[in-house]
Amino acid sequence: MPDGRTHKAIGAGAGMAFALYRAKDQNGQNSLAEVAGGAAGGYIGGLLPDILEPAVSSWHRDVAHSWAAGGAIISLNNWLSAWETACRENAEKCRAIPMVARGAGFVPVTVDPLAQFLSTIAELFWRFLAGLLNGLVAGYVSHLALDAATPRSIPLLTAGF
C-alpha cells in the first residue's frame, strides 16, 4: 500500500516528467524553471487527495480518491493549456527590455540593477507557476493511479458506488 513518502516521490517525478513534456518547446533556462515548478506541483499534487480526505483508515477513499475525480482533472486539459500560455506570456512581459526611440532606431532604456533583478525574479516566478500547475495535475493523477492498484482500489464516484 503506497504511503505518504511514495506519493510524494512518485508525484514529484510525475510532475517533473509532465512539466518537461509540456515545456518541450521552451529554451533550456525556461524549461528548467517549469520542470522545477512541475516537481513542486507534483509533490503537492501527490499528497492532495489525502489532504482532502485524510488517510485515517484504508477505507478513507471517497470523492477525492475516485475515478470521477481523476477524469475531471484530466478533462481540464484545455484550461491547463490556457493557464500555461498566460503564465508564459506574463513571463515574457517581465523579460522584455524596455526600448526607447533614438534617432533612426531603438536603444534599451537604462534600468537600475534592482529593477532588472526583480524583473528576472518575476519572470522565473511565472515560468515556475506554469510548471507548478502541470505538476499538480500529474501528481494528483499519480496518487489515484497508485491507490487504484491496491486491493481496495478507488471508487467510481464515491464510497460505496
Protein backbone atom coordinates (compact mmCIF):
# COMPACT_ATOMS: atom_id res chain seq x y z
CA MET A 1 0.00 0.00 0.00
CA PRO A 2 1.53 3.36 -1.02
CA ASP A 3 2.31 5.67 1.88
CA GLY A 4 2.93 9.42 2.01
CA ARG A 5 6.61 9.06 1.07
CA THR A 6 5.70 7.04 -2.01
CA HIS A 7 3.01 9.51 -3.06
CA LYS A 8 5.45 12.41 -2.64
CA ALA A 9 8.25 10.77 -4.63
CA ILE A 10 6.08 9.44 -7.45
CA GLY A 11 4.09 12.69 -7.55
CA ALA A 12 7.25 14.80 -7.83
CA GLY A 13 8.61 12.54 -10.56
CA ALA A 14 5.34 12.56 -12.48
CA GLY A 15 5.12 16.34 -12.11
CA MET A 16 8.66 16.80 -13.41
CA ALA A 17 8.07 14.49 -16.36
CA PHE A 18 4.77 16.11 -17.33
CA ALA A 19 6.16 19.65 -16.96
CA LEU A 20 9.17 18.66 -19.06
CA TYR A 21 6.87 17.30 -21.75
CA ARG A 22 4.74 20.47 -21.71
CA ALA A 23 7.87 22.68 -21.82
CA LYS A 24 9.46 20.81 -24.73
CA ASP A 25 9.35 23.91 -26.95
CA GLN A 26 10.92 26.19 -24.33
CA ASN A 27 14.64 27.03 -24.20
CA GLY A 28 16.85 25.47 -21.51
CA GLN A 29 16.51 28.04 -18.73
CA ASN A 30 12.76 28.43 -19.23
CA SER A 31 12.29 24.67 -19.37
CA LEU A 32 14.33 24.22 -16.19
CA ALA A 33 12.15 26.71 -14.28
CA GLU A 34 8.99 24.92 -15.46
CA VAL A 35 10.39 21.49 -14.55
CA ALA A 36 11.26 22.77 -11.06
CA GLY A 37 7.69 24.03 -10.76
CA GLY A 38 6.44 20.67 -12.01
CA ALA A 39 8.39 18.84 -9.32
CA ALA A 40 6.97 21.10 -6.60
CA GLY A 41 3.46 20.80 -8.02
CA GLY A 42 3.77 17.04 -8.34
CA TYR A 43 4.92 16.77 -4.73
CA ILE A 44 1.87 18.74 -3.56
CA GLY A 45 -0.49 17.03 -6.01
CA GLY A 46 0.73 13.63 -4.86
CA LEU A 47 -0.47 14.48 -1.35
CA LEU A 48 -3.60 16.42 -2.27
CA PRO A 49 -6.14 13.55 -2.25
CA ASP A 50 -5.03 12.59 1.27
CA ILE A 51 -5.17 16.25 2.35
CA LEU A 52 -8.75 16.47 1.09
CA GLU A 53 -9.65 13.06 2.56
CA PRO A 54 -7.19 12.20 5.34
CA ALA A 55 -5.99 8.62 5.37
CA VAL A 56 -7.33 7.68 8.80
CA SER A 57 -8.05 4.14 7.59
CA SER A 58 -7.77 2.13 4.38
CA TRP A 59 -11.48 2.86 3.80
CA HIS A 60 -10.97 6.65 3.67
CA ARG A 61 -11.33 6.90 -0.11
CA ASP A 62 -14.33 8.90 -1.27
CA VAL A 63 -14.93 11.53 -3.98
CA ALA A 64 -11.39 12.99 -3.99
CA HIS A 65 -10.00 9.47 -4.49
CA SER A 66 -12.44 8.45 -7.24
CA TRP A 67 -12.19 7.61 -10.93
CA ALA A 68 -14.58 10.53 -11.49
CA ALA A 69 -12.15 12.95 -9.82
CA GLY A 70 -9.32 11.65 -11.99
CA GLY A 71 -11.41 12.00 -15.13
CA ALA A 72 -12.46 15.52 -14.17
CA ILE A 73 -8.85 16.56 -13.64
CA ILE A 74 -7.72 15.06 -16.93
CA SER A 75 -10.59 16.79 -18.75
CA LEU A 76 -9.18 20.18 -17.70
CA ASN A 77 -6.52 19.96 -20.43
CA ASN A 78 -7.77 22.99 -22.41
CA TRP A 79 -7.96 25.09 -19.26
CA LEU A 80 -4.48 23.92 -18.29
CA SER A 81 -3.10 24.93 -21.70
CA ALA A 82 -4.68 28.38 -21.43
CA TRP A 83 -3.23 28.86 -17.93
CA GLU A 84 0.20 27.75 -19.08
CA THR A 85 0.08 30.16 -22.04
CA ALA A 86 -0.96 33.05 -19.79
CA CYS A 87 1.91 32.30 -17.39
CA ARG A 88 4.42 32.19 -20.25
CA GLU A 89 3.08 35.46 -21.70
CA ASN A 90 3.45 37.13 -18.30
CA ALA A 91 7.00 35.79 -18.07
CA GLU A 92 7.83 37.27 -21.47
CA LYS A 93 6.42 40.64 -20.39
CA CYS A 94 8.70 40.57 -17.35
CA ARG A 95 11.68 39.68 -19.52
CA ALA A 96 11.10 42.35 -22.17
CA ILE A 97 13.78 45.01 -22.16
CA PRO A 98 12.21 48.48 -22.35
CA MET A 99 13.25 50.27 -25.55
CA VAL A 100 13.04 53.95 -26.47
CA ALA A 101 13.24 55.57 -29.91
CA ARG A 102 16.53 57.40 -30.55
CA GLY A 103 17.35 58.77 -33.95
CA ALA A 104 16.62 56.19 -36.65
CA GLY A 105 16.34 53.21 -34.27
CA PHE A 106 15.62 51.99 -30.79
CA VAL A 107 18.01 51.67 -27.87
CA PRO A 108 17.48 49.96 -24.50
CA VAL A 109 16.37 52.12 -21.61
CA THR A 110 18.86 52.11 -18.77
CA VAL A 111 17.33 50.10 -15.95
CA ASP A 112 18.72 50.10 -12.46
CA PRO A 113 20.10 46.73 -11.28
CA LEU A 114 17.44 46.23 -8.61
CA ALA A 115 14.61 46.65 -11.13
CA GLN A 116 16.38 44.27 -13.50
CA PHE A 117 16.82 41.70 -10.71
CA LEU A 118 13.16 41.95 -9.69
CA SER A 119 12.09 41.59 -13.31
CA THR A 120 14.16 38.39 -13.61
CA ILE A 121 12.64 37.01 -10.40
CA ALA A 122 9.14 37.80 -11.69
CA GLU A 123 9.90 36.05 -15.00
CA LEU A 124 11.14 32.93 -13.19
CA PHE A 125 8.10 33.00 -10.91
CA TRP A 126 5.71 32.92 -13.90
CA ARG A 127 7.64 30.09 -15.55
CA PHE A 128 7.73 28.17 -12.25
CA LEU A 129 3.96 28.70 -11.92
CA ALA A 130 3.35 27.30 -15.44
CA GLY A 131 5.14 24.12 -14.40
CA LEU A 132 3.55 24.04 -10.94
CA LEU A 133 0.04 23.63 -12.29
CA ASN A 134 1.15 20.92 -14.70
CA GLY A 135 2.82 19.16 -11.79
CA LEU A 136 -0.26 19.43 -9.58
CA VAL A 137 -2.33 17.63 -12.20
CA ALA A 138 0.25 14.91 -12.77
CA GLY A 139 0.84 14.42 -9.04
CA TYR A 140 -2.87 14.13 -8.28
CA VAL A 141 -3.40 11.60 -11.07
CA SER A 142 -0.32 9.62 -9.95
CA HIS A 143 -1.81 9.39 -6.44
CA LEU A 144 -5.05 8.00 -7.86
CA ALA A 145 -3.15 5.54 -10.05
CA LEU A 146 -1.13 4.26 -7.09
CA ASP A 147 -4.25 3.86 -4.94
CA ALA A 148 -6.16 2.20 -7.79
CA ALA A 149 -3.52 -0.52 -7.88
CA THR A 150 -4.15 -1.51 -4.24
CA PRO A 151 -6.55 -4.33 -3.24
CA ARG A 152 -9.26 -1.83 -2.18
CA SER A 153 -8.72 0.29 -5.32
CA ILE A 154 -10.64 3.57 -5.64
CA PRO A 155 -14.39 4.13 -6.03
CA LEU A 156 -16.05 5.01 -9.31
CA LEU A 157 -17.75 8.12 -7.93
CA THR A 158 -17.95 7.96 -4.14
CA ALA A 159 -17.50 5.43 -1.34
CA GLY A 160 -19.97 2.60 -1.88
CA PHE A 161 -20.55 3.48 -5.53
